[in-house]
Structure formats: C-alpha cells, structure tokens
C-alpha cells in the first residue's frame, strides 16, 4: 500500500503517483506499467489507473505496445530535441502573454528563485538547479490568459521530465549562461518591452539549452568513434 499523501479523484491520484515515479526515474525508460500491480499499490481498481495511463500516453510519457501493454517511453535524442523546440515556441508565447500581468511581487519572486540558482553554481546540484529552473519559468508563464497555450506548456514540461531528468546534468556549463539570460528576460518584462521581443528572448533561451545539449552529444559521439 502506498505511503504518499495524494489528493483529488482516484484517476488524478494515480496520474500524480505514476508521473512522479517517471520523473524521478524510479520507473525508468522501458519500464512496464502493470495496471493490476499499480492498482494494488494504490488501493484502487484498475479503471482510474487505466485513465491515468491514457493521460500519460497523451503527454508522450507512456507508450502502448501490442502484446506488451503500457511502458514508460524510451529516451530518444531526437524526441528530446523536438520537445525542446516545441516548448520553446509555446513557452515563449505564454511568457509574452503573461508579461503585462506580472506585478512587482511576481518579478521579485522570480529574481529570488534565480538568485538561489546562482548560489548553486559554486556547488552544483543539477537536480536542484532543474527544479528551481522550473519554478522560475512557472512564475513567468503561469499567468498566461490563453488556457490552450498554457496547457501546451504544461504538456511540454511533463514530456521533458519523462525524457530527461536534467539537461544541466549533461551540460553543467550551460547553467551559468541560463541564470544570466533569466535576468535579461526579467529586464525586458520589467521595462515593458515589445511582446515579440519578450517572446523571442524566452524562446531563444530554451533553444540555447537545446543547442548546448546537441553540441555536447555530438562531441561525445565523436570521441566515442575516435576511441573505437
């Protein structure tokens, strides 16, 4: 029986429980999700578990295979790139739409989170840095008045967490540039810059992280070929 404290409908509880284990990699890529076993663990029937898994499938975190059933989606570099590209587009739009709604209190909260990220640079913790990074961006995109765009942002972050726990663990050198770019985005918002300028700054910020990952991946592949 589970020990987690969960709220909401049984389907919501199952979704949160499974998704948390995918994000923490307790359920790693390729892990088979057996409905009956999960239902027993959560103390519920398989119906809400099935609903939760269908929701995770829609987000790309779970795939169904014939004669196998549900599995956690496999890590794929191209899938990561596609997710980051898409997230850059929708998060950039959400941030630009949110900008006029962000008051001084919200901006100060973002600054405080970014300061905590900066303090981590000297004793780097990729997992904690990634959590704070999500908090920072959430401050900027959550007020987005377009619920459809906001839903796409949430789906992108959910999909990203299932593909790779932390990009910064793979490219830690990107972290310092990231916090500097955060300050630039905040300055644009604070000074009432053109929405398109804010959107492009947020989009390019996301895409620079992708570029750093792809460059590091290419370097690793090249080194591996030279060793073989």
Protein backbone atom coordinates (compact mmCIF):
# COMPACT_ATOMS: atom_id res chain seq x y z
CA UNK A 1 0.00 0.00 0.00
CA UNK A 2 1.30 3.46 -0.88
CA UNK A 3 2.52 5.92 1.74
CA UNK A 4 2.28 9.02 -0.49
CA UNK A 5 -0.32 11.61 0.53
CA UNK A 6 -2.38 12.26 -2.60
CA UNK A 7 -5.43 14.38 -3.27
CA UNK A 8 -8.06 14.63 -5.98
CA UNK A 9 -10.01 11.92 -7.77
CA UNK A 10 -8.62 8.42 -7.92
CA UNK A 11 -7.61 9.00 -11.53
CA UNK A 12 -5.76 12.20 -10.50
CA UNK A 13 -4.08 10.35 -7.64
CA UNK A 14 -2.91 7.56 -9.95
CA UNK A 15 -1.70 10.08 -12.53
CA UNK A 16 0.31 12.06 -9.96
CA UNK A 17 1.77 8.89 -8.41
CA UNK A 18 2.88 7.35 -11.72
CA UNK A 19 4.13 10.62 -13.16
CA UNK A 20 6.22 11.33 -10.05
CA UNK A 21 7.92 7.96 -10.42
CA UNK A 22 8.60 8.54 -14.10
CA UNK A 23 10.05 11.99 -13.35
CA UNK A 24 12.29 10.59 -10.59
CA UNK A 25 13.25 7.66 -12.88
CA UNK A 26 12.01 5.14 -10.32
CA UNK A 27 10.06 3.99 -13.38
CA UNK A 28 12.80 4.31 -15.99
CA UNK A 29 12.55 4.28 -19.80
CA UNK A 30 11.04 1.00 -20.96
CA UNK A 31 9.59 0.14 -17.53
CA UNK A 32 6.42 -1.92 -17.91
CA UNK A 33 3.40 -0.39 -16.18
CA UNK A 34 1.22 -3.28 -14.98
CA UNK A 35 -2.25 -1.92 -14.24
CA UNK A 36 -3.15 -4.53 -11.63
CA UNK A 37 0.10 -4.11 -9.71
CA UNK A 38 -0.23 -0.31 -9.65
CA UNK A 39 -3.88 -0.53 -8.66
CA UNK A 40 -2.99 -2.80 -5.73
CA UNK A 41 -0.20 -0.44 -4.67
CA UNK A 42 -2.61 2.50 -4.69
CA UNK A 43 -5.53 0.60 -3.17
CA UNK A 44 -7.93 1.23 -6.03
CA UNK A 45 -9.42 -0.52 -9.05
CA UNK A 46 -7.68 -0.67 -12.42
CA UNK A 47 -10.19 1.75 -14.01
CA UNK A 48 -8.67 5.02 -12.66
CA UNK A 49 -5.18 3.63 -13.25
CA UNK A 50 -6.07 2.98 -16.88
CA UNK A 51 -7.41 6.54 -17.17
CA UNK A 52 -4.20 7.91 -15.68
CA UNK A 53 -2.03 5.91 -18.06
CA UNK A 54 -4.06 7.10 -21.04
CA UNK A 55 -3.43 10.66 -19.91
CA UNK A 56 0.29 9.98 -19.61
CA UNK A 57 0.22 8.42 -23.07
CA UNK A 58 -1.31 11.63 -24.45
CA UNK A 59 1.58 13.56 -22.90
CA UNK A 60 4.11 11.23 -24.52
CA UNK A 61 5.41 9.81 -21.24
CA UNK A 62 3.92 6.35 -21.84
CA UNK A 63 3.61 4.22 -24.96
CA UNK A 64 1.49 1.13 -25.68
CA UNK A 65 2.96 -1.90 -27.43
CA UNK A 66 0.95 -4.78 -28.82
CA UNK A 67 1.11 -7.89 -26.64
CA UNK A 68 3.15 -5.96 -24.08
CA UNK A 69 0.96 -3.17 -22.74
CA UNK A 70 2.00 0.17 -21.31
CA UNK A 71 5.65 1.11 -20.94
CA UNK A 72 7.47 4.28 -19.95
CA UNK A 73 8.61 5.94 -23.17
CA UNK A 74 12.21 5.33 -24.19
CA UNK A 75 14.73 8.17 -24.19
CA UNK A 76 15.34 9.43 -27.71
CA UNK A 77 17.67 12.33 -28.54
CA UNK A 78 15.53 13.41 -31.47
CA UNK A 79 12.40 13.25 -29.30
CA UNK A 80 14.15 15.44 -26.73
CA UNK A 81 15.08 17.93 -29.45
CA UNK A 82 11.52 18.03 -30.80
CA UNK A 83 10.14 18.55 -27.30
CA UNK A 84 12.56 21.38 -26.56
CA UNK A 85 11.83 23.07 -29.89
CA UNK A 86 8.10 22.91 -29.27
CA UNK A 87 8.40 24.02 -25.67
CA UNK A 88 10.47 27.00 -26.77
CA UNK A 89 7.68 28.10 -29.10
CA UNK A 90 4.76 27.72 -26.70
CA UNK A 91 6.61 28.86 -23.56
CA UNK A 92 7.87 31.92 -25.40
CA UNK A 93 4.31 32.81 -26.40
CA UNK A 94 2.98 32.14 -22.89
CA UNK A 95 5.67 34.31 -21.31
CA UNK A 96 4.94 37.20 -23.67
CA UNK A 97 1.20 36.97 -22.96
CA UNK A 98 1.85 36.79 -19.22
CA UNK A 99 4.22 39.78 -19.15
CA UNK A 100 1.59 42.53 -18.73
CA UNK A 101 0.06 40.56 -15.85
CA UNK A 102 3.28 40.14 -13.85
CA UNK A 103 3.39 42.61 -10.97
CA UNK A 104 6.39 43.66 -8.88
CA UNK A 105 5.75 40.87 -6.37
CA UNK A 106 5.86 38.20 -9.09
CA UNK A 107 9.02 39.64 -10.61
CA UNK A 108 10.70 39.76 -7.20
CA UNK A 109 9.74 36.14 -6.65
CA UNK A 110 11.39 35.23 -9.97
CA UNK A 111 14.52 37.19 -9.01
CA UNK A 112 14.68 35.36 -5.66
CA UNK A 113 14.47 31.95 -7.38
CA UNK A 114 17.14 32.98 -9.88
CA UNK A 115 19.38 34.12 -7.01
CA UNK A 116 19.05 30.67 -5.45
CA UNK A 117 20.03 29.13 -8.79
CA UNK A 118 23.06 31.41 -8.94
CA UNK A 119 24.18 30.33 -5.48
CA UNK A 120 24.08 26.70 -6.62
CA UNK A 121 26.65 27.33 -9.34
CA UNK A 122 29.57 27.09 -6.90
CA UNK A 123 28.47 23.69 -5.57
CA UNK A 124 26.43 22.43 -8.47
CA UNK A 125 23.41 20.20 -7.94
CA UNK A 126 21.86 19.55 -11.35
CA UNK A 127 18.63 18.10 -9.97
CA UNK A 128 18.01 21.02 -7.59
CA UNK A 129 19.01 23.53 -10.25
CA UNK A 130 16.47 21.99 -12.63
CA UNK A 131 13.72 22.18 -10.01
CA UNK A 132 14.46 25.86 -9.39
CA UNK A 133 14.61 26.49 -13.13
CA UNK A 134 11.09 25.16 -13.47
CA UNK A 135 9.94 27.34 -10.56
CA UNK A 136 11.46 30.41 -12.21
CA UNK A 137 9.76 29.84 -15.53
CA UNK A 138 6.47 28.93 -13.87
CA UNK A 139 6.34 32.40 -12.34
CA UNK A 140 6.64 33.88 -15.83
CA UNK A 141 4.25 31.67 -17.79
CA UNK A 142 1.52 30.63 -15.32
CA UNK A 143 -0.44 33.92 -15.60
CA UNK A 144 -0.86 33.29 -19.34
CA UNK A 145 -4.50 34.19 -20.15
CA UNK A 146 -4.71 31.69 -23.02
CA UNK A 147 -5.58 28.31 -21.46
CA UNK A 148 -4.77 26.36 -24.63
CA UNK A 149 -1.22 27.71 -24.85
CA UNK A 150 -0.75 27.18 -21.11
CA UNK A 151 -1.89 23.57 -21.43
CA UNK A 152 0.68 23.02 -24.19
CA UNK A 153 3.40 24.45 -21.93
CA UNK A 154 2.41 22.10 -19.11
CA UNK A 155 2.41 19.15 -21.50
CA UNK A 156 5.85 20.13 -22.78
CA UNK A 157 7.34 20.30 -19.28
CA UNK A 158 5.72 16.97 -18.37
CA UNK A 159 7.05 15.33 -21.51
CA UNK A 160 10.50 16.80 -20.94
CA UNK A 161 10.72 15.47 -17.38
CA UNK A 162 9.93 11.98 -18.63
CA UNK A 163 12.55 12.12 -21.37
CA UNK A 164 15.45 13.53 -19.38
CA UNK A 165 15.57 14.31 -15.67
CA UNK A 166 18.03 17.20 -16.06
CA UNK A 167 19.70 18.63 -19.13
CA UNK A 168 22.01 20.53 -16.78
CA UNK A 169 23.47 17.25 -15.53
CA UNK A 170 24.66 16.64 -19.08
CA UNK A 171 25.73 20.24 -19.84
CA UNK A 172 26.50 21.85 -16.45
CA UNK A 173 28.35 24.68 -18.19
CA UNK A 174 25.05 25.90 -19.57
CA UNK A 175 23.77 26.73 -16.06
CA UNK A 176 25.71 29.98 -15.68
CA UNK A 177 24.52 31.30 -19.03
CA UNK A 178 20.98 30.30 -18.12
CA UNK A 179 20.77 32.47 -14.99
CA UNK A 180 22.21 35.43 -16.92
CA UNK A 181 19.56 35.01 -19.62
CA UNK A 182 16.88 34.86 -16.92
CA UNK A 183 17.90 38.35 -15.80
CA UNK A 184 17.71 39.61 -19.37
CA UNK A 185 14.16 38.25 -19.77
CA UNK A 186 13.13 39.83 -16.45
CA UNK A 187 14.59 43.17 -17.55
CA UNK A 188 12.56 43.06 -20.77
CA UNK A 189 9.37 42.35 -18.82
CA UNK A 190 10.09 44.99 -16.19
CA UNK A 191 10.73 47.71 -18.79
CA UNK A 192 7.63 46.88 -20.81
CA UNK A 193 9.46 45.69 -23.92
CA UNK A 194 7.57 44.75 -27.06
CA UNK A 195 5.78 41.39 -26.57
CA UNK A 196 7.54 39.91 -29.60
CA UNK A 197 10.93 40.80 -28.11
CA UNK A 198 9.97 39.04 -24.87
CA UNK A 199 8.66 36.03 -26.77
CA UNK A 200 11.86 35.69 -28.81
CA UNK A 201 14.06 36.10 -25.72
CA UNK A 202 12.19 33.32 -23.89
CA UNK A 203 12.15 31.10 -26.98
CA UNK A 204 15.85 31.55 -27.73
CA UNK A 205 16.68 30.93 -24.07
CA UNK A 206 15.07 27.50 -24.34
CA UNK A 207 16.68 26.77 -27.70
CA UNK A 208 20.17 27.70 -26.48
CA UNK A 209 19.88 24.95 -23.88
CA UNK A 210 18.93 22.56 -26.67
CA UNK A 211 21.91 23.75 -28.76
CA UNK A 212 24.26 23.15 -25.81
CA UNK A 213 22.89 19.64 -25.34
CA UNK A 214 23.20 18.76 -29.02
CA UNK A 215 26.76 20.13 -29.17
CA UNK A 216 27.77 18.08 -26.14
CA UNK A 217 26.07 14.99 -27.56
CA UNK A 218 27.92 15.45 -30.85
CA UNK A 219 31.24 15.84 -29.03
CA UNK A 220 30.61 12.65 -27.05
CA UNK A 221 29.67 10.71 -30.19
CA UNK A 222 32.80 11.97 -31.96
CA UNK A 223 35.02 10.98 -29.04
CA UNK A 224 33.41 7.54 -28.90
CA UNK A 225 34.04 6.97 -32.63
CA UNK A 226 37.68 8.02 -32.23
CA UNK A 227 38.17 5.54 -29.38
CA UNK A 228 36.66 2.66 -31.34
